[in-house]
C-alpha cells in the first residue's frame, strides 16, 4: 500500500523568517537604546568604562 505524500509550498517561509528575525532585532535594539539612555544605563556605561580604563597599564 502506498500513501500519497503531501507536499506544501514553502516559497514564503524564508520571507516570514526574515520578518520575524528583523522584528526581534528591532525590538531588542529599542530595549537596549531605552536601557542605555536612562540614568541607570548611563551609570552602567560609565562604571564599565572607568573599570576598563583602570585596568590599562599606563
N, C-alpha and C. Protein backbone atom coordinates (compact mmCIF):
# COMPACT_ATOMS: atom_id res chain seq x y z
N UNK A 1 0.84 -1.17 0.00
CA UNK A 1 0.00 0.00 0.00
C UNK A 1 0.90 1.24 0.00
N UNK A 2 0.61 2.17 -0.85
CA UNK A 2 1.41 3.39 -0.98
C UNK A 2 0.54 4.59 -0.61
N UNK A 3 0.96 5.33 0.41
CA UNK A 3 0.22 6.52 0.82
C UNK A 3 0.74 7.73 0.05
N UNK A 4 -0.13 8.61 -0.37
CA UNK A 4 0.32 9.80 -1.10
C UNK A 4 1.06 10.76 -0.17
N UNK A 5 2.07 11.37 -0.70
CA UNK A 5 2.86 12.34 0.06
C UNK A 5 2.30 13.73 -0.20
N UNK A 6 2.05 14.44 0.86
CA UNK A 6 1.53 15.81 0.74
C UNK A 6 2.72 16.76 0.74
N UNK A 7 2.86 17.50 -0.31
CA UNK A 7 3.95 18.46 -0.45
C UNK A 7 3.35 19.86 -0.36
N UNK A 8 3.87 20.64 0.54
CA UNK A 8 3.38 22.01 0.71
C UNK A 8 4.37 23.00 0.14
N UNK A 9 3.85 24.03 -0.44
CA UNK A 9 4.69 25.08 -1.00
C UNK A 9 5.24 25.94 0.14
N UNK A 10 6.56 26.10 0.21
CA UNK A 10 7.18 26.89 1.26
C UNK A 10 7.90 28.09 0.68
N UNK A 11 7.38 28.63 -0.41
CA UNK A 11 8.05 29.74 -1.08
C UNK A 11 8.10 31.00 -0.23
N UNK A 12 7.16 31.20 0.68
CA UNK A 12 7.16 32.39 1.52
C UNK A 12 7.76 32.17 2.89
N UNK A 13 8.23 30.96 3.18
CA UNK A 13 8.74 30.65 4.52
C UNK A 13 9.98 31.47 4.85
N UNK A 14 10.87 31.63 3.91
CA UNK A 14 12.10 32.38 4.16
C UNK A 14 11.80 33.83 4.45
N UNK A 15 10.88 34.40 3.69
CA UNK A 15 10.50 35.80 3.91
C UNK A 15 9.89 35.99 5.29
N UNK A 16 9.06 35.06 5.72
CA UNK A 16 8.45 35.15 7.04
C UNK A 16 9.51 35.03 8.14
N UNK A 17 10.49 34.16 7.94
CA UNK A 17 11.56 34.01 8.94
C UNK A 17 12.39 35.29 9.04
N UNK A 18 12.68 35.89 7.89
CA UNK A 18 13.41 37.16 7.92
C UNK A 18 12.60 38.24 8.62
N UNK A 19 11.31 38.26 8.40
CA UNK A 19 10.45 39.26 9.03
C UNK A 19 10.44 39.09 10.55
N UNK A 20 10.37 37.86 11.02
CA UNK A 20 10.38 37.60 12.46
C UNK A 20 11.72 38.00 13.07
N UNK A 21 12.81 37.64 12.42
CA UNK A 21 14.15 37.99 12.93
C UNK A 21 14.37 39.49 12.92
N UNK A 22 13.89 40.17 11.88
CA UNK A 22 14.03 41.62 11.81
C UNK A 22 13.23 42.28 12.92
N UNK A 23 12.01 41.81 13.14
CA UNK A 23 11.19 42.35 14.22
C UNK A 23 11.82 42.14 15.58
N UNK A 24 12.40 40.97 15.81
CA UNK A 24 13.07 40.69 17.08
C UNK A 24 14.29 41.58 17.25
N UNK A 25 15.04 41.79 16.17
CA UNK A 25 16.23 42.65 16.23
C UNK A 25 15.87 44.09 16.54
N UNK A 26 14.80 44.59 15.91
CA UNK A 26 14.36 45.96 16.16
C UNK A 26 13.87 46.11 17.60
N UNK A 27 13.15 45.12 18.09
CA UNK A 27 12.68 45.17 19.47
C UNK A 27 13.83 45.16 20.46
N UNK A 28 14.83 44.32 20.21
CA UNK A 28 16.00 44.26 21.09
C UNK A 28 16.78 45.57 21.04
N UNK A 29 16.92 46.15 19.86
CA UNK A 29 17.63 47.42 19.73
C UNK A 29 16.90 48.53 20.47
N UNK A 30 15.58 48.54 20.39
CA UNK A 30 14.79 49.54 21.12
C UNK A 30 14.94 49.39 22.62
N UNK A 31 14.93 48.16 23.10
CA UNK A 31 15.10 47.90 24.53
C UNK A 31 16.49 48.32 24.99
N UNK A 32 17.50 48.00 24.21
CA UNK A 32 18.87 48.38 24.54
C UNK A 32 19.04 49.90 24.55
N UNK A 33 18.45 50.56 23.56
CA UNK A 33 18.51 52.03 23.50
C UNK A 33 17.85 52.65 24.73
N UNK A 34 16.68 52.14 25.10
CA UNK A 34 15.96 52.67 26.26
C UNK A 34 16.77 52.45 27.54
N UNK A 35 17.40 51.29 27.66
CA UNK A 35 18.20 50.98 28.83
C UNK A 35 19.42 51.89 28.93
N UNK A 36 20.13 52.06 27.82
CA UNK A 36 21.39 52.81 27.86
C UNK A 36 21.20 54.32 27.89
N UNK A 37 20.04 54.83 27.51
CA UNK A 37 19.84 56.27 27.56
C UNK A 37 19.23 56.73 28.87
N UNK A 38 18.84 55.81 29.72
CA UNK A 38 18.31 56.17 31.04
C UNK A 38 19.45 56.41 32.02
N UNK A 39 19.09 56.87 33.21
CA UNK A 39 20.09 57.15 34.25
C UNK A 39 20.87 55.91 34.65
N UNK A 40 20.18 54.80 34.82
CA UNK A 40 20.85 53.56 35.21
C UNK A 40 21.81 53.11 34.13
N UNK A 41 21.40 53.21 32.89
CA UNK A 41 22.27 52.83 31.78
C UNK A 41 23.50 53.70 31.68
N UNK A 42 23.32 55.00 31.90
CA UNK A 42 24.47 55.91 31.86
C UNK A 42 25.47 55.57 32.96
N UNK A 43 24.96 55.27 34.15
CA UNK A 43 25.86 54.89 35.24
C UNK A 43 26.56 53.57 34.95
N UNK A 44 25.84 52.64 34.35
CA UNK A 44 26.43 51.35 34.00
C UNK A 44 27.56 51.52 32.98
N UNK A 45 27.30 52.28 31.94
CA UNK A 45 28.32 52.52 30.91
C UNK A 45 29.52 53.24 31.51
N UNK A 46 29.25 54.23 32.35
CA UNK A 46 30.33 54.99 32.98
C UNK A 46 31.18 54.09 33.89
N UNK A 47 30.54 53.23 34.66
CA UNK A 47 31.26 52.33 35.55
C UNK A 47 32.12 51.34 34.76
N UNK A 48 31.55 50.77 33.72
CA UNK A 48 32.30 49.82 32.89
C UNK A 48 33.49 50.51 32.25
N UNK A 49 33.27 51.70 31.71
CA UNK A 49 34.35 52.45 31.06
C UNK A 49 35.45 52.78 32.07
N UNK A 50 35.08 53.23 33.26
CA UNK A 50 36.07 53.56 34.29
C UNK A 50 36.89 52.34 34.69
N UNK A 51 36.24 51.19 34.80
CA UNK A 51 36.97 49.97 35.17
C UNK A 51 37.92 49.53 34.07
N UNK A 52 37.49 49.68 32.82
CA UNK A 52 38.37 49.31 31.70
C UNK A 52 39.58 50.23 31.67
N UNK A 53 39.37 51.53 31.84
CA UNK A 53 40.48 52.49 31.86
C UNK A 53 41.40 52.20 33.04
N UNK A 54 40.84 51.81 34.18
CA UNK A 54 41.63 51.48 35.35
C UNK A 54 42.50 50.24 35.16
N UNK A 55 42.13 49.37 34.26
CA UNK A 55 42.90 48.15 34.01
C UNK A 55 44.05 48.38 33.03
N UNK A 56 44.07 49.51 32.36
CA UNK A 56 45.14 49.79 31.40
C UNK A 56 46.45 50.04 32.13
N UNK A 57 47.56 49.60 31.58
CA UNK A 57 48.84 49.70 32.28
C UNK A 57 49.48 51.07 32.24
N UNK A 58 48.89 52.06 31.64
CA UNK A 58 49.52 53.38 31.58
C UNK A 58 48.66 54.44 32.19
